[in-house]
């Protein structure tokens, strides 16, 4: 349904059906297509549309190039009773990370903690996806991944570090969960790519061009670097993501993760580090844990408001509210985005259209 501003409002069921259908047309199994579609649609619902279904054309370009494996046979190698490794065989990061959370949760249910290192993977979308998978089991999680060069080490103009998110989450009573999913950059690179796709400018302070100058041109920004939050602090967080996601897992690291959009002759080599744990391990019960979490959330939300502030939100709360709202209303896309997605479906012989 077209809206007054020219955008297209699509139901959740229609975008999910589109995503699963086109993925199956590209050789992904029905089961795996649903896992990927679930993650992409969840990102759109939570307002992280840089990691939603608009990513599908880029993923399928890599499938066509033979550098993204649509049909992996994934198996874990146990390293210790609470640690396992997964070779993702250059498949979709969604599939590898989904399995990694399941395996880590299985270990955590027995030993209190479970850690999985994933190597040879691809982009896994919105990091909160995997936090929520653990949270749905009553578990907490920390999820790290690394990424291709897009951000400089503090003081440099060379793109070296990725903008991979720092992600941690804990369950709350009655779905009132706490999740922190944040990029170490001022803005996720996907938002610059989105601005470029829509023909929009970007704000000052988001990025530098290739010469190290501030720019509002998304095309120039894509040829340059995005900037870290808090200067050296953001740079340090980005390096931490690379150390945990890449160095420790056996994946590519130190600037050697390949750009999914620019390098079409080699796999990405992304790594993920998934840590799942029992949130009540040091307490007497889950009820006690939930009581304490309620106090934490309420204390923050009820703290004194600064001038002009109507409401204080805890991390992840806005995303929860947005998801509830959009599940009934549907998700908005530009007409050009819908056109690109439908053209991609046609190219892959998929009859489903948006």
C-alpha atoms as a PDB file:
ATOM      1  CA  UNK A   1       0.000   0.000   0.000  1.00  0.00           C
ATOM      2  CA  UNK A   2       1.453   3.367  -1.067  1.00  0.00           C
ATOM      3  CA  UNK A   3       1.419   6.181   1.505  1.00  0.00           C
ATOM      4  CA  UNK A   4       1.145   9.960   1.077  1.00  0.00           C
ATOM      5  CA  UNK A   5       4.924  10.428   1.057  1.00  0.00           C
ATOM      6  CA  UNK A   6       5.396   7.919  -1.763  1.00  0.00           C
ATOM      7  CA  UNK A   7       6.653   5.112   0.454  1.00  0.00           C
ATOM      8  CA  UNK A   8       5.174   1.623   0.407  1.00  0.00           C
ATOM      9  CA  UNK A   9       3.726   0.040   3.558  1.00  0.00           C
ATOM     10  CA  UNK A  10       4.096  -3.744   3.532  1.00  0.00           C
ATOM     11  CA  UNK A  11       2.736  -6.332   5.952  1.00  0.00           C
ATOM     12  CA  UNK A  12       5.106  -8.444   8.010  1.00  0.00           C
ATOM     13  CA  UNK A  13       3.768 -11.618   6.421  1.00  0.00           C
ATOM     14  CA  UNK A  14       4.391 -10.306   2.897  1.00  0.00           C
ATOM     15  CA  UNK A  15       8.007  -9.295   3.481  1.00  0.00           C
ATOM     16  CA  UNK A  16       8.700 -12.571   5.299  1.00  0.00           C
ATOM     17  CA  UNK A  17       7.177 -14.579   2.462  1.00  0.00           C
ATOM     18  CA  UNK A  18       9.191 -12.579  -0.073  1.00  0.00           C
ATOM     19  CA  UNK A  19      12.452 -13.138   1.815  1.00  0.00           C
ATOM     20  CA  UNK A  20      11.954 -16.888   2.235  1.00  0.00           C
ATOM     21  CA  UNK A  21      10.859 -17.339  -1.375  1.00  0.00           C
ATOM     22  CA  UNK A  22      13.799 -15.523  -2.941  1.00  0.00           C
ATOM     23  CA  UNK A  23      16.296 -17.273  -0.656  1.00  0.00           C
ATOM     24  CA  UNK A  24      14.872 -20.659  -1.630  1.00  0.00           C
ATOM     25  CA  UNK A  25      15.164 -19.631  -5.281  1.00  0.00           C
ATOM     26  CA  UNK A  26      18.861 -18.988  -4.624  1.00  0.00           C
ATOM     27  CA  UNK A  27      19.415 -22.526  -3.322  1.00  0.00           C
ATOM     28  CA  UNK A  28      18.912 -22.031   0.408  1.00  0.00           C
ATOM     29  CA  UNK A  29      16.881 -24.784   2.100  1.00  0.00           C
ATOM     30  CA  UNK A  30      13.387 -24.036   3.413  1.00  0.00           C
ATOM     31  CA  UNK A  31      14.567 -24.360   7.016  1.00  0.00           C
ATOM     32  CA  UNK A  32      17.571 -22.094   6.502  1.00  0.00           C
ATOM     33  CA  UNK A  33      15.550 -19.601   4.458  1.00  0.00           C
ATOM     34  CA  UNK A  34      13.191 -19.172   7.393  1.00  0.00           C
ATOM     35  CA  UNK A  35      16.091 -18.573   9.815  1.00  0.00           C
ATOM     36  CA  UNK A  36      17.514 -15.855   7.569  1.00  0.00           C
ATOM     37  CA  UNK A  37      14.118 -14.301   6.816  1.00  0.00           C
ATOM     38  CA  UNK A  38      13.223 -14.239  10.520  1.00  0.00           C
ATOM     39  CA  UNK A  39      16.400 -12.281  11.260  1.00  0.00           C
ATOM     40  CA  UNK A  40      16.002  -9.829   8.376  1.00  0.00           C
ATOM     41  CA  UNK A  41      12.361  -9.076   9.151  1.00  0.00           C
ATOM     42  CA  UNK A  42      13.110  -8.712  12.873  1.00  0.00           C
ATOM     43  CA  UNK A  43      15.716  -6.060  12.021  1.00  0.00           C
ATOM     44  CA  UNK A  44      13.167  -4.134   9.937  1.00  0.00           C
ATOM     45  CA  UNK A  45      10.613  -4.375  12.744  1.00  0.00           C
ATOM     46  CA  UNK A  46      13.039  -3.101  15.363  1.00  0.00           C
ATOM     47  CA  UNK A  47      14.022  -0.107  13.245  1.00  0.00           C
ATOM     48  CA  UNK A  48      17.409  -1.505  12.221  1.00  0.00           C
ATOM     49  CA  UNK A  49      16.474  -1.341   8.547  1.00  0.00           C
ATOM     50  CA  UNK A  50      20.119  -1.169   7.513  1.00  0.00           C
ATOM     51  CA  UNK A  51      20.165  -4.902   8.346  1.00  0.00           C
ATOM     52  CA  UNK A  52      16.747  -5.834   6.983  1.00  0.00           C
ATOM     53  CA  UNK A  53      15.490  -7.292   3.719  1.00  0.00           C
ATOM     54  CA  UNK A  54      17.182  -4.551   1.680  1.00  0.00           C
ATOM     55  CA  UNK A  55      20.373  -6.553   2.229  1.00  0.00           C
ATOM     56  CA  UNK A  56      19.068  -9.484   0.184  1.00  0.00           C
ATOM     57  CA  UNK A  57      20.325  -8.305  -3.258  1.00  0.00           C
ATOM     58  CA  UNK A  58      23.870  -7.938  -1.903  1.00  0.00           C
ATOM     59  CA  UNK A  59      23.795 -11.374  -0.287  1.00  0.00           C
ATOM     60  CA  UNK A  60      22.537 -13.009  -3.463  1.00  0.00           C
ATOM     61  CA  UNK A  61      25.180 -11.250  -5.549  1.00  0.00           C
ATOM     62  CA  UNK A  62      27.714 -13.093  -3.394  1.00  0.00           C
ATOM     63  CA  UNK A  63      25.852 -16.388  -3.802  1.00  0.00           C
ATOM     64  CA  UNK A  64      25.940 -15.909  -7.582  1.00  0.00           C
ATOM     65  CA  UNK A  65      29.656 -15.132  -7.423  1.00  0.00           C
ATOM     66  CA  UNK A  66      30.254 -18.410  -5.599  1.00  0.00           C
ATOM     67  CA  UNK A  67      31.705 -16.827  -2.458  1.00  0.00           C
ATOM     68  CA  UNK A  68      28.647 -17.254  -0.195  1.00  0.00           C
ATOM     69  CA  UNK A  69      27.663 -20.864   0.385  1.00  0.00           C
ATOM     70  CA  UNK A  70      23.853 -21.316   0.353  1.00  0.00           C
ATOM     71  CA  UNK A  71      23.926 -24.986   1.417  1.00  0.00           C
ATOM     72  CA  UNK A  72      26.456 -25.645   4.207  1.00  0.00           C
ATOM     73  CA  UNK A  73      26.782 -28.790   6.330  1.00  0.00           C
ATOM     74  CA  UNK A  74      27.606 -27.288   9.710  1.00  0.00           C
ATOM     75  CA  UNK A  75      29.133 -29.281  12.577  1.00  0.00           C
ATOM     76  CA  UNK A  76      30.692 -28.231  15.882  1.00  0.00           C
ATOM     77  CA  UNK A  77      34.076 -29.245  17.248  1.00  0.00           C
ATOM     78  CA  UNK A  78      34.076 -29.388  21.052  1.00  0.00           C
ATOM     79  CA  UNK A  79      37.140 -27.761  22.634  1.00  0.00           C
ATOM     80  CA  UNK A  80      36.187 -28.014  26.328  1.00  0.00           C
ATOM     81  CA  UNK A  81      32.913 -28.854  28.101  1.00  0.00           C
ATOM     82  CA  UNK A  82      31.900 -25.173  27.770  1.00  0.00           C
ATOM     83  CA  UNK A  83      33.622 -24.169  24.522  1.00  0.00           C
ATOM     84  CA  UNK A  84      33.018 -25.221  20.932  1.00  0.00           C
ATOM     85  CA  UNK A  85      34.121 -24.052  17.491  1.00  0.00           C
ATOM     86  CA  UNK A  86      32.113 -23.883  14.289  1.00  0.00           C
ATOM     87  CA  UNK A  87      33.537 -23.643  10.781  1.00  0.00           C
ATOM     88  CA  UNK A  88      30.747 -21.816   8.954  1.00  0.00           C
ATOM     89  CA  UNK A  89      31.973 -22.928   5.524  1.00  0.00           C
ATOM     90  CA  UNK A  90      31.524 -19.402   4.157  1.00  0.00           C
ATOM     91  CA  UNK A  91      27.747 -19.472   4.548  1.00  0.00           C
ATOM     92  CA  UNK A  92      25.308 -16.797   5.706  1.00  0.00           C
ATOM     93  CA  UNK A  93      26.311 -15.530   9.132  1.00  0.00           C
ATOM     94  CA  UNK A  94      22.659 -15.829  10.182  1.00  0.00           C
ATOM     95  CA  UNK A  95      22.831 -19.621   9.951  1.00  0.00           C
ATOM     96  CA  UNK A  96      26.152 -19.941  11.754  1.00  0.00           C
ATOM     97  CA  UNK A  97      25.261 -17.538  14.565  1.00  0.00           C
ATOM     98  CA  UNK A  98      21.831 -19.094  15.054  1.00  0.00           C
ATOM     99  CA  UNK A  99      23.389 -22.527  15.519  1.00  0.00           C
ATOM    100  CA  UNK A 100      26.117 -21.053  17.721  1.00  0.00           C
ATOM    101  CA  UNK A 101      23.560 -19.573  20.120  1.00  0.00           C
ATOM    102  CA  UNK A 102      21.723 -22.896  20.298  1.00  0.00           C
ATOM    103  CA  UNK A 103      24.961 -24.743  21.073  1.00  0.00           C
ATOM    104  CA  UNK A 104      26.123 -22.169  23.621  1.00  0.00           C
ATOM    105  CA  UNK A 105      22.706 -22.252  25.324  1.00  0.00           C
ATOM    106  CA  UNK A 106      22.860 -26.040  25.493  1.00  0.00           C
ATOM    107  CA  UNK A 107      26.216 -25.860  27.303  1.00  0.00           C
ATOM    108  CA  UNK A 108      25.055 -23.014  29.538  1.00  0.00           C
ATOM    109  CA  UNK A 109      21.999 -24.988  30.661  1.00  0.00           C
ATOM    110  CA  UNK A 110      24.339 -27.655  32.056  1.00  0.00           C
ATOM    111  CA  UNK A 111      27.452 -25.733  33.124  1.00  0.00           C
ATOM    112  CA  UNK A 112      26.165 -22.175  33.572  1.00  0.00           C
ATOM    113  CA  UNK A 113      28.164 -20.824  30.625  1.00  0.00           C
ATOM    114  CA  UNK A 114      28.682 -21.753  27.002  1.00  0.00           C
ATOM    115  CA  UNK A 115      31.032 -20.160  24.460  1.00  0.00           C
ATOM    116  CA  UNK A 116      31.137 -20.759  20.720  1.00  0.00           C
ATOM    117  CA  UNK A 117      33.707 -19.351  18.327  1.00  0.00           C
ATOM    118  CA  UNK A 118      32.689 -19.188  14.667  1.00  0.00           C
ATOM    119  CA  UNK A 119      35.122 -18.821  11.759  1.00  0.00           C
ATOM    120  CA  UNK A 120      34.773 -18.580   7.971  1.00  0.00           C
ATOM    121  CA  UNK A 121      31.362 -16.933   8.221  1.00  0.00           C
ATOM    122  CA  UNK A 122      29.530 -14.084   6.542  1.00  0.00           C
ATOM    123  CA  UNK A 123      27.631 -11.026   7.733  1.00  0.00           C
ATOM    124  CA  UNK A 124      25.127 -12.052  10.430  1.00  0.00           C
ATOM    125  CA  UNK A 125      22.820  -9.039  10.382  1.00  0.00           C
ATOM    126  CA  UNK A 126      21.542  -7.415  13.553  1.00  0.00           C
ATOM    127  CA  UNK A 127      23.485  -8.620  16.603  1.00  0.00           C
ATOM    128  CA  UNK A 128      20.430  -8.307  18.866  1.00  0.00           C
ATOM    129  CA  UNK A 129      18.889 -11.208  16.915  1.00  0.00           C
ATOM    130  CA  UNK A 130      21.143 -13.614  18.784  1.00  0.00           C
ATOM    131  CA  UNK A 131      20.780 -11.895  22.135  1.00  0.00           C
ATOM    132  CA  UNK A 132      17.028 -12.399  21.847  1.00  0.00           C
ATOM    133  CA  UNK A 133      17.431 -16.064  20.958  1.00  0.00           C
ATOM    134  CA  UNK A 134      19.290 -16.616  24.237  1.00  0.00           C
ATOM    135  CA  UNK A 135      16.883 -14.378  26.162  1.00  0.00           C
ATOM    136  CA  UNK A 136      13.923 -16.447  24.919  1.00  0.00           C
ATOM    137  CA  UNK A 137      15.516 -19.368  26.784  1.00  0.00           C
ATOM    138  CA  UNK A 138      15.860 -17.338  29.983  1.00  0.00           C
ATOM    139  CA  UNK A 139      19.590 -16.851  29.417  1.00  0.00           C
ATOM    140  CA  UNK A 140      21.889 -13.870  29.067  1.00  0.00           C
ATOM    141  CA  UNK A 141      24.298 -13.400  26.183  1.00  0.00           C
ATOM    142  CA  UNK A 142      27.204 -11.419  24.808  1.00  0.00           C
ATOM    143  CA  UNK A 143      27.629 -11.478  21.041  1.00  0.00           C
ATOM    144  CA  UNK A 144      30.653 -10.117  19.198  1.00  0.00           C
ATOM    145  CA  UNK A 145      31.512 -10.198  15.502  1.00  0.00           C
ATOM    146  CA  UNK A 146      34.098  -8.523  13.317  1.00  0.00           C
ATOM    147  CA  UNK A 147      33.773  -6.801   9.973  1.00  0.00           C
ATOM    148  CA  UNK A 148      35.579  -5.360   6.974  1.00  0.00           C
ATOM    149  CA  UNK A 149      37.640  -2.162   7.056  1.00  0.00           C
ATOM    150  CA  UNK A 150      35.540   0.974   7.426  1.00  0.00           C
ATOM    151  CA  UNK A 151      36.809   2.880  10.468  1.00  0.00           C
ATOM    152  CA  UNK A 152      40.278   4.190  11.368  1.00  0.00           C
ATOM    153  CA  UNK A 153      42.238   3.519  14.509  1.00  0.00           C
ATOM    154  CA  UNK A 154      42.151   6.748  16.507  1.00  0.00           C
ATOM    155  CA  UNK A 155      44.485   9.298  14.902  1.00  0.00           C
ATOM    156  CA  UNK A 156      44.577   7.535  11.538  1.00  0.00           C
ATOM    157  CA  UNK A 157      42.672   8.197   8.301  1.00  0.00           C
ATOM    158  CA  UNK A 158      43.155   4.636   7.003  1.00  0.00           C
ATOM    159  CA  UNK A 159      40.114   2.330   7.125  1.00  0.00           C
ATOM    160  CA  UNK A 160      41.337  -0.590   9.210  1.00  0.00           C
ATOM    161  CA  UNK A 161      38.776  -1.527  11.874  1.00  0.00           C
ATOM    162  CA  UNK A 162      35.201  -2.695  11.410  1.00  0.00           C
ATOM    163  CA  UNK A 163      32.049  -1.148  12.848  1.00  0.00           C
ATOM    164  CA  UNK A 164      30.918  -4.407  14.410  1.00  0.00           C
ATOM    165  CA  UNK A 165      28.495  -4.045  17.324  1.00  0.00           C
ATOM    166  CA  UNK A 166      29.040  -4.512  21.004  1.00  0.00           C
ATOM    167  CA  UNK A 167      26.002  -6.566  21.985  1.00  0.00           C
ATOM    168  CA  UNK A 168      24.867  -7.834  25.383  1.00  0.00           C
ATOM    169  CA  UNK A 169      21.416  -8.774  26.614  1.00  0.00           C
ATOM    170  CA  UNK A 170      19.520 -10.084  29.638  1.00  0.00           C
ATOM    171  CA  UNK A 171      15.952 -11.319  30.059  1.00  0.00           C
ATOM    172  CA  UNK A 172      13.340  -9.332  31.921  1.00  0.00           C
ATOM    173  CA  UNK A 173      10.065 -10.446  33.422  1.00  0.00           C
ATOM    174  CA  UNK A 174       7.100 -10.527  30.996  1.00  0.00           C
ATOM    175  CA  UNK A 175       9.217  -9.617  27.988  1.00  0.00           C
ATOM    176  CA  UNK A 176      10.696  -6.462  29.498  1.00  0.00           C
ATOM    177  CA  UNK A 177      14.202  -7.360  28.337  1.00  0.00           C
ATOM    178  CA  UNK A 178      17.388  -5.337  28.433  1.00  0.00           C
ATOM    179  CA  UNK A 179      19.552  -5.364  25.305  1.00  0.00           C
ATOM    180  CA  UNK A 180      22.461  -3.195  24.276  1.00  0.00           C
ATOM    181  CA  UNK A 181      23.398  -3.478  20.608  1.00  0.00           C
ATOM    182  CA  UNK A 182      25.664  -0.600  19.618  1.00  0.00           C
ATOM    183  CA  UNK A 183      28.233   0.115  16.972  1.00  0.00           C
ATOM    184  CA  UNK A 184      31.603   1.554  18.039  1.00  0.00           C
ATOM    185  CA  UNK A 185      31.220   4.109  15.243  1.00  0.00           C
ATOM    186  CA  UNK A 186      29.208   7.331  15.298  1.00  0.00           C
ATOM    187  CA  UNK A 187      26.836   5.638  12.883  1.00  0.00           C
ATOM    188  CA  UNK A 188      26.535   2.188  11.357  1.00  0.00           C
ATOM    189  CA  UNK A 189      27.986   2.106   7.856  1.00  0.00           C
ATOM    190  CA  UNK A 190      24.711   0.655   6.664  1.00  0.00           C
ATOM    191  CA  UNK A 191      23.041   4.016   7.356  1.00  0.00           C
ATOM    192  CA  UNK A 192      25.487   5.707   4.986  1.00  0.00           C
ATOM    193  CA  UNK A 193      24.760   3.030   2.399  1.00  0.00           C
ATOM    194  CA  UNK A 194      21.032   3.629   2.964  1.00  0.00           C
ATOM    195  CA  UNK A 195      21.483   7.396   2.408  1.00  0.00           C
ATOM    196  CA  UNK A 196      23.382   6.678  -0.812  1.00  0.00           C
ATOM    197  CA  UNK A 197      20.628   4.324  -1.982  1.00  0.00           C
ATOM    198  CA  UNK A 198      17.971   6.966  -1.262  1.00  0.00           C
ATOM    199  CA  UNK A 199      19.916   9.914  -2.673  1.00  0.00           C
ATOM    200  CA  UNK A 200      20.148  11.671   0.702  1.00  0.00           C
ATOM    201  CA  UNK A 201      22.937  13.622   2.400  1.00  0.00           C
ATOM    202  CA  UNK A 202      24.477  12.465   5.682  1.00  0.00           C
ATOM    203  CA  UNK A 203      25.064  14.683   8.751  1.00  0.00           C
ATOM    204  CA  UNK A 204      28.413  16.308   9.493  1.00  0.00           C
ATOM    205  CA  UNK A 205      30.523  14.232  11.857  1.00  0.00           C
ATOM    206  CA  UNK A 206      29.524  10.842  10.536  1.00  0.00           C
ATOM    207  CA  UNK A 207      32.402  10.239   8.160  1.00  0.00           C
ATOM    208  CA  UNK A 208      35.568  11.412   6.391  1.00  0.00           C
ATOM    209  CA  UNK A 209      36.265  11.136   2.682  1.00  0.00           C
ATOM    210  CA  UNK A 210      39.316   9.360   1.249  1.00  0.00           C
ATOM    211  CA  UNK A 211      41.475  12.432   1.889  1.00  0.00           C
ATOM    212  CA  UNK A 212      40.517  12.588   5.556  1.00  0.00           C
ATOM    213  CA  UNK A 213      38.114  15.523   5.204  1.00  0.00           C
ATOM    214  CA  UNK A 214      34.668  15.689   6.806  1.00  0.00           C
ATOM    215  CA  UNK A 215      31.895  15.017   4.282  1.00  0.00           C
ATOM    216  CA  UNK A 216      28.103  14.978   3.982  1.00  0.00           C
ATOM    217  CA  UNK A 217      28.239  13.086   0.668  1.00  0.00           C
ATOM    218  CA  UNK A 218      27.451   9.384   1.281  1.00  0.00           C
ATOM    219  CA  UNK A 219      29.341   8.330  -1.859  1.00  0.00           C
ATOM    220  CA  UNK A 220      32.473  10.116  -0.650  1.00  0.00           C
ATOM    221  CA  UNK A 221      31.934   8.631   2.806  1.00  0.00           C
ATOM    222  CA  UNK A 222      31.752   5.120   1.379  1.00  0.00           C
ATOM    223  CA  UNK A 223      35.160   5.767  -0.202  1.00  0.00           C
ATOM    224  CA  UNK A 224      36.525   7.049   3.096  1.00  0.00           C
ATOM    225  CA  UNK A 225      35.907   6.110   6.716  1.00  0.00           C
ATOM    226  CA  UNK A 226      33.208   6.341   9.367  1.00  0.00           C
ATOM    227  CA  UNK A 227      34.288   7.867  12.668  1.00  0.00           C
ATOM    228  CA  UNK A 228      34.483   6.142  16.066  1.00  0.00           C
ATOM    229  CA  UNK A 229      32.301   7.206  18.979  1.00  0.00           C
ATOM    230  CA  UNK A 230      34.186   8.936  21.763  1.00  0.00           C
ATOM    231  CA  UNK A 231      37.422   9.101  19.765  1.00  0.00           C
ATOM    232  CA  UNK A 232      39.897   6.542  21.144  1.00  0.00           C
ATOM    233  CA  UNK A 233      37.159   4.807  23.156  1.00  0.00           C
ATOM    234  CA  UNK A 234      35.217   3.819  20.054  1.00  0.00           C
ATOM    235  CA  UNK A 235      38.426   2.806  18.350  1.00  0.00           C
ATOM    236  CA  UNK A 236      39.259   0.560  21.305  1.00  0.00           C
ATOM    237  CA  UNK A 237      35.823  -1.071  21.237  1.00  0.00           C
ATOM    238  CA  UNK A 238      36.193  -1.776  17.515  1.00  0.00           C
ATOM    239  CA  UNK A 239      39.538  -3.425  18.139  1.00  0.00           C
ATOM    240  CA  UNK A 240      37.959  -5.524  20.912  1.00  0.00           C
ATOM    241  CA  UNK A 241      35.341  -6.785  18.435  1.00  0.00           C
ATOM    242  CA  UNK A 242      38.105  -7.786  16.038  1.00  0.00           C
ATOM    243  CA  UNK A 243      40.106  -9.527  18.777  1.00  0.00           C
ATOM    244  CA  UNK A 244      37.155 -11.554  20.055  1.00  0.00           C
ATOM    245  CA  UNK A 245      35.306 -12.032  16.768  1.00  0.00           C
ATOM    246  CA  UNK A 246      38.349 -12.717  14.609  1.00  0.00           C
ATOM    247  CA  UNK A 247      41.650 -13.254  16.374  1.00  0.00           C
ATOM    248  CA  UNK A 248      40.342 -15.664  19.048  1.00  0.00           C
ATOM    249  CA  UNK A 249      38.003 -17.660  16.814  1.00  0.00           C
ATOM    250  CA  UNK A 250      40.395 -18.449  13.975  1.00  0.00           C
ATOM    251  CA  UNK A 251      38.569 -16.149  11.560  1.00  0.00           C
ATOM    252  CA  UNK A 252      40.114 -13.350   9.507  1.00  0.00           C
ATOM    253  CA  UNK A 253      41.234 -10.330  11.528  1.00  0.00           C
ATOM    254  CA  UNK A 254      43.522  -7.266  11.539  1.00  0.00           C
ATOM    255  CA  UNK A 255      41.907  -5.713   8.464  1.00  0.00           C
ATOM    256  CA  UNK A 256      41.604  -8.954   6.499  1.00  0.00           C
ATOM    257  CA  UNK A 257      37.821  -9.414   6.580  1.00  0.00           C
ATOM    258  CA  UNK A 258      36.623  -8.826   3.019  1.00  0.00           C
ATOM    259  CA  UNK A 259      34.005  -6.214   2.161  1.00  0.00           C
ATOM    260  CA  UNK A 260      30.738  -7.932   1.187  1.00  0.00           C
ATOM    261  CA  UNK A 261      29.987  -5.244  -1.407  1.00  0.00           C
ATOM    262  CA  UNK A 262      33.422  -4.722  -2.931  1.00  0.00           C
ATOM    263  CA  UNK A 263      35.216  -8.094  -2.867  1.00  0.00           C
ATOM    264  CA  UNK A 264      33.276 -10.594  -4.954  1.00  0.00           C
ATOM    265  CA  UNK A 265      36.043 -13.078  -5.695  1.00  0.00           C
ATOM    266  CA  UNK A 266      36.711 -14.226  -2.104  1.00  0.00           C
ATOM    267  CA  UNK A 267      34.630 -15.150   0.969  1.00  0.00           C
ATOM    268  CA  UNK A 268      34.396 -12.569   3.740  1.00  0.00           C
ATOM    269  CA  UNK A 269      36.067 -14.609   6.477  1.00  0.00           C
ATOM    270  CA  UNK A 270      33.951 -13.099   9.266  1.00  0.00           C
ATOM    271  CA  UNK A 271      34.153 -14.448  12.828  1.00  0.00           C
ATOM    272  CA  UNK A 272      31.621 -14.488  15.670  1.00  0.00           C
ATOM    273  CA  UNK A 273      32.148 -14.972  19.418  1.00  0.00           C
ATOM    274  CA  UNK A 274      28.984 -16.092  21.241  1.00  0.00           C
ATOM    275  CA  UNK A 275      28.891 -16.219  25.055  1.00  0.00           C
ATOM    276  CA  UNK A 276      25.686 -17.453  26.730  1.00  0.00           C
ATOM    277  CA  UNK A 277      25.219 -17.695  30.497  1.00  0.00           C
ATOM    278  CA  UNK A 278      22.706 -18.271  33.283  1.00  0.00           C
ATOM    279  CA  UNK A 279      21.734 -14.867  34.710  1.00  0.00           C
ATOM    280  CA  UNK A 280      20.820 -16.319  38.113  1.00  0.00           C
ATOM    281  CA  UNK A 281      24.085 -18.229  38.594  1.00  0.00           C
ATOM    282  CA  UNK A 282      25.146 -16.107  41.593  1.00  0.00           C
ATOM    283  CA  UNK A 283      21.640 -15.703  42.998  1.00  0.00           C
ATOM    284  CA  UNK A 284      19.190 -18.046  44.712  1.00  0.00           C
ATOM    285  CA  UNK A 285      16.613 -18.241  41.921  1.00  0.00           C
ATOM    286  CA  UNK A 286      15.396 -16.779  38.637  1.00  0.00           C
ATOM    287  CA  UNK A 287      12.632 -15.035  40.565  1.00  0.00           C
ATOM    288  CA  UNK A 288      15.252 -13.190  42.588  1.00  0.00           C
ATOM    289  CA  UNK A 289      17.081 -12.298  39.380  1.00  0.00           C
ATOM    290  CA  UNK A 290      13.888 -10.956  37.752  1.00  0.00           C
ATOM    291  CA  UNK A 291      13.076  -8.930  40.878  1.00  0.00           C
ATOM    292  CA  UNK A 292      16.504  -7.337  40.788  1.00  0.00           C
ATOM    293  CA  UNK A 293      16.259  -6.634  37.050  1.00  0.00           C
ATOM    294  CA  UNK A 294      12.893  -4.941  37.582  1.00  0.00           C
ATOM    295  CA  UNK A 295      14.474  -2.678  40.198  1.00  0.00           C
ATOM    296  CA  UNK A 296      17.311  -1.802  37.810  1.00  0.00           C
ATOM    297  CA  UNK A 297      15.002  -0.943  34.914  1.00  0.00           C
ATOM    298  CA  UNK A 298      12.527   0.994  37.059  1.00  0.00           C
ATOM    299  CA  UNK A 299      15.286   2.979  38.766  1.00  0.00           C
ATOM    300  CA  UNK A 300      16.701   4.116  35.428  1.00  0.00           C
ATOM    301  CA  UNK A 301      13.307   4.917  33.904  1.00  0.00           C
ATOM    302  CA  UNK A 302      12.175   6.844  36.989  1.00  0.00           C
ATOM    303  CA  UNK A 303      15.350   8.908  37.332  1.00  0.00           C
ATOM    304  CA  UNK A 304      15.038  12.703  37.170  1.00  0.00           C
ATOM    305  CA  UNK A 305      14.493  13.931  33.606  1.00  0.00           C
ATOM    306  CA  UNK A 306      16.600  16.618  31.988  1.00  0.00           C
ATOM    307  CA  UNK A 307      14.903  19.671  30.502  1.00  0.00           C
ATOM    308  CA  UNK A 308      12.791  18.828  27.454  1.00  0.00           C
ATOM    309  CA  UNK A 309      12.811  15.072  28.078  1.00  0.00           C
ATOM    310  CA  UNK A 310       9.402  13.382  28.263  1.00  0.00           C
ATOM    311  CA  UNK A 311      10.493   9.819  28.943  1.00  0.00           C
ATOM    312  CA  UNK A 312      13.649   7.925  29.845  1.00  0.00           C
ATOM    313  CA  UNK A 313      14.133   4.642  28.008  1.00  0.00           C
ATOM    314  CA  UNK A 314      16.370   1.740  28.936  1.00  0.00           C
ATOM    315  CA  UNK A 315      18.547   0.102  26.278  1.00  0.00           C
ATOM    316  CA  UNK A 316      16.466  -1.943  23.868  1.00  0.00           C
ATOM    317  CA  UNK A 317      13.122  -0.591  25.117  1.00  0.00           C
ATOM    318  CA  UNK A 318      12.472   1.581  22.064  1.00  0.00           C
ATOM    319  CA  UNK A 319      13.125  -1.393  19.801  1.00  0.00           C
ATOM    320  CA  UNK A 320      10.626  -3.517  21.769  1.00  0.00           C
ATOM    321  CA  UNK A 321       7.953  -0.831  21.422  1.00  0.00           C
ATOM    322  CA  UNK A 322       8.683  -0.282  17.722  1.00  0.00           C
ATOM    323  CA  UNK A 323       8.484  -4.011  16.994  1.00  0.00           C
ATOM    324  CA  UNK A 324       5.085  -4.287  18.706  1.00  0.00           C
ATOM    325  CA  UNK A 325       3.804  -1.303  16.725  1.00  0.00           C
ATOM    326  CA  UNK A 326       5.087  -2.388  13.313  1.00  0.00           C
ATOM    327  CA  UNK A 327       3.912  -5.985  13.641  1.00  0.00           C
ATOM    328  CA  UNK A 328       0.371  -4.649  13.261  1.00  0.00           C
ATOM    329  CA  UNK A 329       1.043  -1.634  11.014  1.00  0.00           C
ATOM    330  CA  UNK A 330       3.583  -3.123   8.636  1.00  0.00           C
ATOM    331  CA  UNK A 331       6.994  -1.849   7.524  1.00  0.00           C
ATOM    332  CA  UNK A 332       7.622   1.158   5.273  1.00  0.00           C
ATOM    333  CA  UNK A 333       9.947   1.007   2.242  1.00  0.00           C
ATOM    334  CA  UNK A 334      10.680   3.495  -0.520  1.00  0.00           C
ATOM    335  CA  UNK A 335       9.340   2.705  -3.967  1.00  0.00           C
ATOM    336  CA  UNK A 336      12.914   2.409  -5.282  1.00  0.00           C
ATOM    337  CA  UNK A 337      13.785  -0.149  -2.591  1.00  0.00           C
ATOM    338  CA  UNK A 338      10.769  -2.252  -3.524  1.00  0.00           C
ATOM    339  CA  UNK A 339      11.717  -1.980  -7.204  1.00  0.00           C
ATOM    340  CA  UNK A 340      15.251  -3.260  -6.534  1.00  0.00           C
ATOM    341  CA  UNK A 341      13.965  -6.164  -4.431  1.00  0.00           C
ATOM    342  CA  UNK A 342      11.394  -7.174  -7.046  1.00  0.00           C
ATOM    343  CA  UNK A 343      13.991  -6.950  -9.811  1.00  0.00           C
ATOM    344  CA  UNK A 344      16.258  -9.223  -7.787  1.00  0.00           C
ATOM    345  CA  UNK A 345      13.412 -11.712  -7.417  1.00  0.00           C
ATOM    346  CA  UNK A 346      12.904 -11.676 -11.183  1.00  0.00           C
ATOM    347  CA  UNK A 347      16.605 -12.288 -11.764  1.00  0.00           C
ATOM    348  CA  UNK A 348      16.483 -15.401  -9.573  1.00  0.00           C
ATOM    349  CA  UNK A 349      13.294 -16.747 -11.079  1.00  0.00           C
ATOM    350  CA  UNK A 350      11.289 -16.122  -7.926  1.00  0.00           C
ATOM    351  CA  UNK A 351       7.582 -15.479  -8.619  1.00  0.00           C
ATOM    352  CA  UNK A 352       6.900 -13.764  -5.274  1.00  0.00           C
ATOM    353  CA  UNK A 353       6.789  -9.959  -5.407  1.00  0.00           C
ATOM    354  CA  UNK A 354       6.367  -7.205  -2.861  1.00  0.00           C
END
